Amino acid sequence: MSASSMDKVNTEKKYRPNVAALLLNNDDKVLIAERIRHANSWQFPQGGIDRGETPDEALFRELREEIGTPPHLVHVLDRKEGYRYEFPASMRRFGSNIGQEQTYFLCRFLGSDRDINLRTRHPEFRSFQWIDPRDFELEWLPEFKHGVYRAVLKDFFGVEFP
């Protein structure tokens, strides 16, 4: 391998594969959950894709791990991929990915609030609520995620932010 092609390999940005769920209830409200360690920090359930796992498998595993929801209560309606964000330098570790590349799944939630359990083995959320997608506030997120949420809310719900 030549020195110039080696430099290209070493400087290529690496993104961790990730899935995120847009769960809709019967009223077409979307589920958001508040981070356990960050009050008033609301987001959609999401998580990394493990080695050898498909995005669909990761989606159902993450929903079970984060909100205790079994796969039979979730029906996938649509999916879009290629959403990327980069972590701020303070969050990057040596040799790790510089950010995440996400596949978003639009899903119909077939259960009730009783079927959501935030007291999982490794809790990530303290509470959840259902909101109209137009009521999502970017201020609930760290700034580095704003671009992805803008794109996702526009692509799936036609919501545009000023």
N, C-alpha and C. Protein backbone atom coordinates (compact mmCIF):
# COMPACT_ATOMS: atom_id res chain seq x y z
N MET A 1 0.86 -1.18 0.00
CA MET A 1 0.00 0.00 0.00
C MET A 1 0.90 1.23 0.00
N SER A 2 0.60 2.18 -0.88
CA SER A 2 1.42 3.39 -0.95
C SER A 2 1.12 4.30 0.24
N ALA A 3 2.04 5.23 0.48
CA ALA A 3 1.88 6.15 1.60
C ALA A 3 0.62 7.00 1.44
N SER A 4 0.33 7.42 0.19
CA SER A 4 -0.85 8.28 0.00
C SER A 4 -2.15 7.52 0.23
N SER A 5 -2.22 6.23 -0.21
CA SER A 5 -3.44 5.47 0.05
C SER A 5 -3.55 5.10 1.52
N MET A 6 -2.41 4.94 2.21
CA MET A 6 -2.44 4.66 3.64
C MET A 6 -2.96 5.86 4.41
N ASP A 7 -2.56 7.08 3.98
CA ASP A 7 -3.07 8.29 4.63
C ASP A 7 -4.58 8.39 4.47
N LYS A 8 -5.08 8.01 3.29
CA LYS A 8 -6.52 8.07 3.05
C LYS A 8 -7.26 7.12 3.99
N VAL A 9 -6.75 5.92 4.18
CA VAL A 9 -7.37 4.95 5.08
C VAL A 9 -7.37 5.47 6.51
N ASN A 10 -6.28 6.05 6.94
CA ASN A 10 -6.16 6.51 8.32
C ASN A 10 -7.00 7.75 8.62
N THR A 11 -7.32 8.54 7.60
CA THR A 11 -8.06 9.77 7.86
C THR A 11 -9.55 9.64 7.52
N GLU A 12 -9.96 8.48 7.02
CA GLU A 12 -11.37 8.29 6.68
C GLU A 12 -12.21 8.36 7.95
N LYS A 13 -13.30 9.12 7.89
CA LYS A 13 -14.17 9.27 9.05
C LYS A 13 -14.98 7.99 9.23
N LYS A 14 -15.08 7.56 10.47
CA LYS A 14 -15.83 6.35 10.79
C LYS A 14 -17.04 6.71 11.63
N TYR A 15 -18.19 6.21 11.20
CA TYR A 15 -19.44 6.45 11.91
C TYR A 15 -19.96 5.12 12.45
N ARG A 16 -20.42 5.16 13.67
CA ARG A 16 -21.01 3.97 14.29
C ARG A 16 -22.40 3.76 13.72
N PRO A 17 -22.71 2.57 13.22
CA PRO A 17 -24.07 2.30 12.73
C PRO A 17 -25.07 2.32 13.89
N ASN A 18 -26.21 2.92 13.67
CA ASN A 18 -27.16 3.19 14.74
C ASN A 18 -28.58 3.13 14.18
N VAL A 19 -29.53 2.77 15.02
CA VAL A 19 -30.95 2.80 14.65
C VAL A 19 -31.69 3.71 15.61
N ALA A 20 -32.80 4.26 15.14
CA ALA A 20 -33.66 5.08 15.99
C ALA A 20 -35.11 4.80 15.62
N ALA A 21 -35.99 4.90 16.62
CA ALA A 21 -37.40 4.55 16.44
C ALA A 21 -38.30 5.77 16.59
N LEU A 22 -39.14 5.96 15.61
CA LEU A 22 -40.22 6.93 15.68
C LEU A 22 -41.49 6.12 15.91
N LEU A 23 -41.86 5.97 17.17
CA LEU A 23 -43.03 5.17 17.53
C LEU A 23 -44.27 6.04 17.54
N LEU A 24 -45.26 5.64 16.77
CA LEU A 24 -46.53 6.37 16.72
C LEU A 24 -47.60 5.58 17.45
N ASN A 25 -48.37 6.30 18.29
CA ASN A 25 -49.50 5.64 18.93
C ASN A 25 -50.73 5.78 18.04
N ASN A 26 -51.89 5.36 18.52
CA ASN A 26 -53.12 5.40 17.72
C ASN A 26 -53.58 6.81 17.38
N ASP A 27 -53.08 7.80 18.13
CA ASP A 27 -53.42 9.21 17.86
C ASP A 27 -52.39 9.88 16.97
N ASP A 28 -51.45 9.10 16.41
CA ASP A 28 -50.35 9.61 15.58
C ASP A 28 -49.44 10.57 16.33
N LYS A 29 -49.35 10.36 17.63
CA LYS A 29 -48.37 11.10 18.43
C LYS A 29 -47.12 10.24 18.50
N VAL A 30 -45.98 10.87 18.59
CA VAL A 30 -44.70 10.17 18.59
C VAL A 30 -44.14 10.12 20.01
N LEU A 31 -43.51 9.00 20.32
CA LEU A 31 -42.94 8.80 21.66
C LEU A 31 -41.59 9.49 21.76
N ILE A 32 -41.42 10.27 22.82
CA ILE A 32 -40.11 10.81 23.18
C ILE A 32 -39.84 10.40 24.62
N ALA A 33 -38.57 10.25 24.93
CA ALA A 33 -38.19 9.80 26.28
C ALA A 33 -37.12 10.74 26.83
N GLU A 34 -37.21 10.98 28.14
CA GLU A 34 -36.28 11.89 28.81
C GLU A 34 -35.09 11.11 29.35
N ARG A 35 -33.90 11.55 28.99
CA ARG A 35 -32.66 10.90 29.42
C ARG A 35 -32.60 10.87 30.94
N ILE A 36 -32.12 9.77 31.48
CA ILE A 36 -32.10 9.59 32.93
C ILE A 36 -31.09 10.51 33.62
N ARG A 37 -29.99 10.80 32.95
CA ARG A 37 -28.93 11.62 33.58
C ARG A 37 -28.98 13.09 33.16
N HIS A 38 -29.92 13.44 32.30
CA HIS A 38 -29.99 14.81 31.80
C HIS A 38 -31.44 15.28 31.80
N ALA A 39 -31.81 15.98 32.85
CA ALA A 39 -33.19 16.46 32.95
C ALA A 39 -33.54 17.33 31.75
N ASN A 40 -34.77 17.19 31.28
CA ASN A 40 -35.32 17.95 30.16
C ASN A 40 -34.54 17.72 28.86
N SER A 41 -33.92 16.55 28.74
CA SER A 41 -33.26 16.15 27.50
C SER A 41 -34.07 15.00 26.91
N TRP A 42 -34.87 15.31 25.89
CA TRP A 42 -35.82 14.36 25.31
C TRP A 42 -35.33 13.92 23.94
N GLN A 43 -35.54 12.64 23.63
CA GLN A 43 -35.13 12.11 22.34
C GLN A 43 -35.96 10.89 21.98
N PHE A 44 -35.75 10.40 20.77
CA PHE A 44 -36.36 9.15 20.33
C PHE A 44 -35.48 7.99 20.81
N PRO A 45 -36.06 6.83 21.10
CA PRO A 45 -35.24 5.67 21.44
C PRO A 45 -34.27 5.37 20.29
N GLN A 46 -33.04 5.05 20.64
CA GLN A 46 -32.02 4.79 19.63
C GLN A 46 -30.89 3.96 20.23
N GLY A 47 -30.08 3.38 19.38
CA GLY A 47 -28.93 2.65 19.87
C GLY A 47 -28.12 2.04 18.74
N GLY A 48 -26.94 1.59 19.08
CA GLY A 48 -26.01 1.05 18.10
C GLY A 48 -26.42 -0.30 17.54
N ILE A 49 -25.94 -0.55 16.35
CA ILE A 49 -26.12 -1.85 15.71
C ILE A 49 -24.91 -2.70 16.06
N ASP A 50 -25.15 -3.84 16.69
CA ASP A 50 -24.06 -4.74 17.06
C ASP A 50 -23.51 -5.47 15.84
N ARG A 51 -22.26 -5.89 15.94
CA ARG A 51 -21.63 -6.65 14.85
C ARG A 51 -22.47 -7.88 14.51
N GLY A 52 -22.72 -8.07 13.22
CA GLY A 52 -23.50 -9.21 12.76
C GLY A 52 -25.00 -9.04 12.85
N GLU A 53 -25.45 -7.90 13.32
CA GLU A 53 -26.88 -7.64 13.52
C GLU A 53 -27.41 -6.80 12.35
N THR A 54 -28.60 -7.07 11.91
CA THR A 54 -29.23 -6.23 10.89
C THR A 54 -29.84 -5.00 11.57
N PRO A 55 -30.10 -3.94 10.81
CA PRO A 55 -30.78 -2.79 11.40
C PRO A 55 -32.14 -3.16 12.02
N ASP A 56 -32.89 -4.03 11.37
CA ASP A 56 -34.19 -4.45 11.93
C ASP A 56 -34.00 -5.17 13.27
N GLU A 57 -33.04 -6.06 13.34
CA GLU A 57 -32.76 -6.77 14.60
C GLU A 57 -32.34 -5.78 15.69
N ALA A 58 -31.51 -4.82 15.31
CA ALA A 58 -31.06 -3.81 16.28
C ALA A 58 -32.22 -2.96 16.79
N LEU A 59 -33.14 -2.61 15.88
CA LEU A 59 -34.31 -1.82 16.28
C LEU A 59 -35.08 -2.53 17.39
N PHE A 60 -35.42 -3.80 17.15
CA PHE A 60 -36.24 -4.52 18.13
C PHE A 60 -35.48 -4.78 19.43
N ARG A 61 -34.18 -5.04 19.34
CA ARG A 61 -33.37 -5.21 20.55
C ARG A 61 -33.32 -3.92 21.35
N GLU A 62 -33.07 -2.80 20.67
CA GLU A 62 -32.98 -1.51 21.37
C GLU A 62 -34.31 -1.13 22.02
N LEU A 63 -35.41 -1.38 21.34
CA LEU A 63 -36.71 -1.07 21.95
C LEU A 63 -36.95 -1.90 23.20
N ARG A 64 -36.53 -3.15 23.18
CA ARG A 64 -36.68 -3.98 24.37
C ARG A 64 -35.75 -3.48 25.48
N GLU A 65 -34.50 -3.17 25.13
CA GLU A 65 -33.52 -2.74 26.13
C GLU A 65 -33.83 -1.37 26.72
N GLU A 66 -34.33 -0.45 25.90
CA GLU A 66 -34.52 0.92 26.37
C GLU A 66 -35.90 1.21 26.94
N ILE A 67 -36.94 0.63 26.34
CA ILE A 67 -38.29 0.93 26.83
C ILE A 67 -39.09 -0.33 27.14
N GLY A 68 -38.43 -1.48 27.15
CA GLY A 68 -39.07 -2.73 27.56
C GLY A 68 -40.18 -3.21 26.66
N THR A 69 -40.19 -2.76 25.41
CA THR A 69 -41.28 -3.10 24.50
C THR A 69 -40.93 -4.32 23.66
N PRO A 70 -41.78 -5.36 23.68
CA PRO A 70 -41.52 -6.55 22.87
C PRO A 70 -41.82 -6.31 21.39
N PRO A 71 -41.14 -7.04 20.51
CA PRO A 71 -41.29 -6.83 19.06
C PRO A 71 -42.71 -6.98 18.53
N HIS A 72 -43.53 -7.84 19.11
CA HIS A 72 -44.87 -8.04 18.56
C HIS A 72 -45.78 -6.82 18.74
N LEU A 73 -45.33 -5.83 19.52
CA LEU A 73 -46.12 -4.61 19.71
C LEU A 73 -45.66 -3.46 18.81
N VAL A 74 -44.75 -3.76 17.89
CA VAL A 74 -44.20 -2.73 17.01
C VAL A 74 -44.31 -3.19 15.56
N HIS A 75 -44.95 -2.37 14.74
CA HIS A 75 -45.08 -2.67 13.31
C HIS A 75 -44.33 -1.59 12.53
N VAL A 76 -43.33 -1.99 11.76
CA VAL A 76 -42.53 -1.05 10.98
C VAL A 76 -43.34 -0.59 9.77
N LEU A 77 -43.46 0.74 9.61
CA LEU A 77 -44.19 1.35 8.50
C LEU A 77 -43.26 1.84 7.40
N ASP A 78 -42.08 2.34 7.80
CA ASP A 78 -41.15 2.95 6.86
C ASP A 78 -39.78 3.01 7.50
N ARG A 79 -38.77 3.20 6.68
CA ARG A 79 -37.41 3.40 7.19
C ARG A 79 -36.64 4.24 6.20
N LYS A 80 -35.75 5.04 6.75
CA LYS A 80 -34.86 5.87 5.94
C LYS A 80 -33.49 5.83 6.60
N GLU A 81 -32.45 5.79 5.78
CA GLU A 81 -31.11 5.68 6.34
C GLU A 81 -30.22 6.81 5.86
N GLY A 82 -29.03 6.86 6.44
CA GLY A 82 -28.04 7.83 6.01
C GLY A 82 -28.00 9.11 6.83
N TYR A 83 -28.70 9.17 7.94
CA TYR A 83 -28.65 10.37 8.80
C TYR A 83 -27.37 10.29 9.63
N ARG A 84 -26.57 11.34 9.57
CA ARG A 84 -25.28 11.34 10.29
C ARG A 84 -25.13 12.57 11.17
N TYR A 85 -24.49 12.34 12.30
CA TYR A 85 -24.01 13.45 13.11
C TYR A 85 -22.65 13.09 13.67
N GLU A 86 -21.87 14.12 13.95
CA GLU A 86 -20.54 13.93 14.52
C GLU A 86 -20.57 14.37 15.97
N PHE A 87 -19.85 13.61 16.79
CA PHE A 87 -19.71 13.96 18.20
C PHE A 87 -18.80 15.16 18.34
N PRO A 88 -19.03 16.01 19.33
CA PRO A 88 -18.05 17.07 19.62
C PRO A 88 -16.73 16.42 20.03
N ALA A 89 -15.63 17.12 19.83
CA ALA A 89 -14.31 16.58 20.13
C ALA A 89 -14.22 16.09 21.58
N SER A 90 -14.90 16.75 22.50
CA SER A 90 -14.84 16.37 23.92
C SER A 90 -15.46 15.00 24.19
N MET A 91 -16.29 14.51 23.26
CA MET A 91 -16.96 13.22 23.45
C MET A 91 -16.26 12.08 22.71
N ARG A 92 -15.26 12.40 21.91
CA ARG A 92 -14.57 11.38 21.12
C ARG A 92 -13.47 10.73 21.94
N ARG A 93 -13.33 9.43 21.75
CA ARG A 93 -12.25 8.69 22.40
C ARG A 93 -11.28 8.25 21.33
N PHE A 94 -10.02 8.07 21.70
CA PHE A 94 -9.00 7.65 20.75
C PHE A 94 -9.43 6.35 20.08
N GLY A 95 -9.38 6.32 18.76
CA GLY A 95 -9.68 5.10 18.02
C GLY A 95 -11.16 4.81 17.85
N SER A 96 -12.02 5.65 18.38
CA SER A 96 -13.45 5.37 18.26
C SER A 96 -14.04 6.10 17.07
N ASN A 97 -15.31 5.88 16.84
CA ASN A 97 -16.02 6.54 15.74
C ASN A 97 -16.16 8.02 16.04
N ILE A 98 -16.25 8.81 14.96
CA ILE A 98 -16.38 10.25 15.15
C ILE A 98 -17.84 10.67 15.31
N GLY A 99 -18.74 9.76 15.06
CA GLY A 99 -20.16 10.07 15.16
C GLY A 99 -20.99 8.83 14.88
N GLN A 100 -22.25 9.07 14.53
CA GLN A 100 -23.15 7.96 14.27
C GLN A 100 -23.85 8.16 12.93
N GLU A 101 -24.08 7.07 12.24
CA GLU A 101 -24.90 7.06 11.04
C GLU A 101 -26.14 6.26 11.37
N GLN A 102 -27.29 6.91 11.26
CA GLN A 102 -28.52 6.33 11.76
C GLN A 102 -29.49 5.90 10.66
N THR A 103 -30.17 4.81 10.94
CA THR A 103 -31.34 4.39 10.18
C THR A 103 -32.54 4.65 11.07
N TYR A 104 -33.47 5.46 10.58
CA TYR A 104 -34.69 5.76 11.34
C TYR A 104 -35.82 4.89 10.86
N PHE A 105 -36.57 4.35 11.80
CA PHE A 105 -37.72 3.51 11.52
C PHE A 105 -38.98 4.23 12.02
N LEU A 106 -39.95 4.38 11.14
CA LEU A 106 -41.27 4.87 11.52
C LEU A 106 -42.10 3.64 11.85
N CYS A 107 -42.63 3.58 13.06
CA CYS A 107 -43.32 2.38 13.53
C CYS A 107 -44.65 2.72 14.18
N ARG A 108 -45.59 1.81 14.02
CA ARG A 108 -46.86 1.91 14.74
C ARG A 108 -46.72 1.10 16.02
N PHE A 109 -46.98 1.75 17.15
CA PHE A 109 -46.94 1.08 18.45
C PHE A 109 -48.32 0.47 18.68
N LEU A 110 -48.37 -0.83 18.84
CA LEU A 110 -49.63 -1.56 18.95
C LEU A 110 -50.07 -1.79 20.39
N GLY A 111 -49.26 -1.34 21.33
CA GLY A 111 -49.57 -1.56 22.74
C GLY A 111 -50.17 -0.33 23.39
N SER A 112 -50.11 -0.33 24.71
CA SER A 112 -50.58 0.81 25.50
C SER A 112 -49.40 1.28 26.37
N ASP A 113 -49.62 2.36 27.09
CA ASP A 113 -48.55 2.87 27.96
C ASP A 113 -48.08 1.82 28.96
N ARG A 114 -48.94 0.90 29.33
CA ARG A 114 -48.55 -0.17 30.27
C ARG A 114 -47.48 -1.09 29.67
N ASP A 115 -47.38 -1.09 28.35
CA ASP A 115 -46.40 -1.93 27.66
C ASP A 115 -45.04 -1.26 27.50
N ILE A 116 -44.90 -0.08 28.07
CA ILE A 116 -43.61 0.62 28.07
C ILE A 116 -43.07 0.57 29.49
N ASN A 117 -41.87 0.03 29.62
CA ASN A 117 -41.25 -0.13 30.93
C ASN A 117 -39.85 0.46 30.89
N LEU A 118 -39.67 1.59 31.54
CA LEU A 118 -38.36 2.26 31.54
C LEU A 118 -37.41 1.68 32.59
N ARG A 119 -37.93 0.82 33.46
CA ARG A 119 -37.09 0.19 34.49
C ARG A 119 -36.46 -1.08 33.92
N THR A 120 -35.62 -0.87 32.94
CA THR A 120 -34.95 -1.97 32.26
C THR A 120 -33.67 -2.33 33.01
N ARG A 121 -32.96 -3.32 32.50
CA ARG A 121 -31.72 -3.77 33.15
C ARG A 121 -30.70 -2.64 33.28
N HIS A 122 -30.57 -1.83 32.23
CA HIS A 122 -29.68 -0.67 32.24
C HIS A 122 -30.50 0.55 31.82
N PRO A 123 -31.23 1.15 32.77
CA PRO A 123 -32.14 2.24 32.41
C PRO A 123 -31.42 3.43 31.76
N GLU A 124 -32.05 3.94 30.71
CA GLU A 124 -31.53 5.12 30.01
C GLU A 124 -32.47 6.31 30.11
N PHE A 125 -33.75 6.03 30.40
CA PHE A 125 -34.75 7.10 30.43
C PHE A 125 -35.46 7.15 31.77
N ARG A 126 -35.88 8.36 32.16
CA ARG A 126 -36.61 8.56 33.42
C ARG A 126 -38.11 8.69 33.21
N SER A 127 -38.52 9.14 32.02
CA SER A 127 -39.94 9.31 31.73
C SER A 127 -40.14 9.32 30.21
N PHE A 128 -41.40 9.23 29.82
CA PHE A 128 -41.73 9.31 28.39
C PHE A 128 -43.05 10.05 28.25
N GLN A 129 -43.28 10.51 27.03
CA GLN A 129 -44.55 11.15 26.70
C GLN A 129 -44.78 11.03 25.20
N TRP A 130 -46.03 11.21 24.81
CA TRP A 130 -46.43 11.19 23.41
C TRP A 130 -46.71 12.62 23.00
N ILE A 131 -46.11 13.06 21.90
CA ILE A 131 -46.31 14.44 21.45
C ILE A 131 -46.62 14.46 19.96
N ASP A 132 -47.25 15.54 19.53
CA ASP A 132 -47.39 15.79 18.11
C ASP A 132 -45.98 16.10 17.59
N PRO A 133 -45.57 15.53 16.48
CA PRO A 133 -44.21 15.81 15.98
C PRO A 133 -43.91 17.31 15.82
N ARG A 134 -44.95 18.11 15.55
CA ARG A 134 -44.75 19.57 15.41
C ARG A 134 -44.36 20.22 16.72
N ASP A 135 -44.57 19.53 17.85
CA ASP A 135 -44.27 20.10 19.16
C ASP A 135 -42.86 19.76 19.65
N PHE A 136 -42.10 19.01 18.85
CA PHE A 136 -40.73 18.68 19.27
C PHE A 136 -39.90 19.96 19.31
N GLU A 137 -39.08 20.08 20.34
CA GLU A 137 -38.23 21.27 20.49
C GLU A 137 -36.76 20.88 20.41
N LEU A 138 -36.05 21.49 19.48
CA LEU A 138 -34.63 21.17 19.30
C LEU A 138 -33.81 21.47 20.56
N GLU A 139 -34.29 22.38 21.39
CA GLU A 139 -33.57 22.75 22.62
C GLU A 139 -33.46 21.57 23.58
N TRP A 140 -34.25 20.53 23.37
CA TRP A 140 -34.18 19.34 24.22
C TRP A 140 -32.94 18.50 23.93
N LEU A 141 -32.26 18.80 22.84
CA LEU A 141 -31.14 17.99 22.38
C LEU A 141 -29.82 18.75 22.46
N PRO A 142 -28.70 18.00 22.54
CA PRO A 142 -27.42 18.67 22.36
C PRO A 142 -27.35 19.21 20.92
N GLU A 143 -26.67 20.31 20.74
CA GLU A 143 -26.65 20.99 19.44
C GLU A 143 -26.15 20.09 18.30
N PHE A 144 -25.24 19.18 18.57
CA PHE A 144 -24.69 18.36 17.49
C PHE A 144 -25.73 17.41 16.88
N LYS A 145 -26.87 17.21 17.53
CA LYS A 145 -27.93 16.36 16.99
C LYS A 145 -29.01 17.16 16.24
N HIS A 146 -28.96 18.48 16.30
CA HIS A 146 -30.02 19.30 15.71
C HIS A 146 -30.23 19.03 14.23
N GLY A 147 -29.16 18.92 13.46
CA GLY A 147 -29.28 18.72 12.01
C GLY A 147 -30.02 17.44 11.67
N VAL A 148 -29.69 16.35 12.36
CA VAL A 148 -30.36 15.08 12.10
C VAL A 148 -31.83 15.16 12.47
N TYR A 149 -32.15 15.72 13.62
CA TYR A 149 -33.55 15.81 14.03
C TYR A 149 -34.35 16.72 13.09
N ARG A 150 -33.74 17.79 12.62
CA ARG A 150 -34.40 18.64 11.63
C ARG A 150 -34.76 17.82 10.39
N ALA A 151 -33.78 17.08 9.89
CA ALA A 151 -33.98 16.28 8.67
C ALA A 151 -35.02 15.18 8.90
N VAL A 152 -34.93 14.47 10.01
CA VAL A 152 -35.85 13.37 10.31
C VAL A 152 -37.28 13.88 10.45
N LEU A 153 -37.47 14.94 11.21
CA LEU A 153 -38.83 15.46 11.40
C LEU A 153 -39.42 15.99 10.10
N LYS A 154 -38.58 16.53 9.23
CA LYS A 154 -39.06 16.98 7.92
C LYS A 154 -39.37 15.79 7.02
N ASP A 155 -38.46 14.82 6.96
CA ASP A 155 -38.62 13.69 6.06
C ASP A 155 -39.82 12.81 6.41
N PHE A 156 -40.06 12.59 7.70
CA PHE A 156 -41.13 11.69 8.10
C PHE A 156 -42.47 12.38 8.37
N PHE A 157 -42.41 13.66 8.83
CA PHE A 157 -43.64 14.32 9.27
C PHE A 157 -43.90 15.67 8.57
N GLY A 158 -42.99 16.10 7.72
CA GLY A 158 -43.16 17.39 7.05
C GLY A 158 -42.97 18.59 7.98
N VAL A 159 -42.36 18.36 9.14
CA VAL A 159 -42.15 19.42 10.13
C VAL A 159 -40.88 20.19 9.77
N GLU A 160 -41.00 21.50 9.66
CA GLU A 160 -39.82 22.33 9.41
C GLU A 160 -39.66 23.32 10.54
N PHE A 161 -38.41 23.53 10.92
CA PHE A 161 -38.09 24.45 12.00
C PHE A 161 -37.65 25.79 11.41
N PRO A 162 -37.95 26.88 12.11
CA PRO A 162 -37.54 28.21 11.60
C PRO A 162 -36.03 28.35 11.58
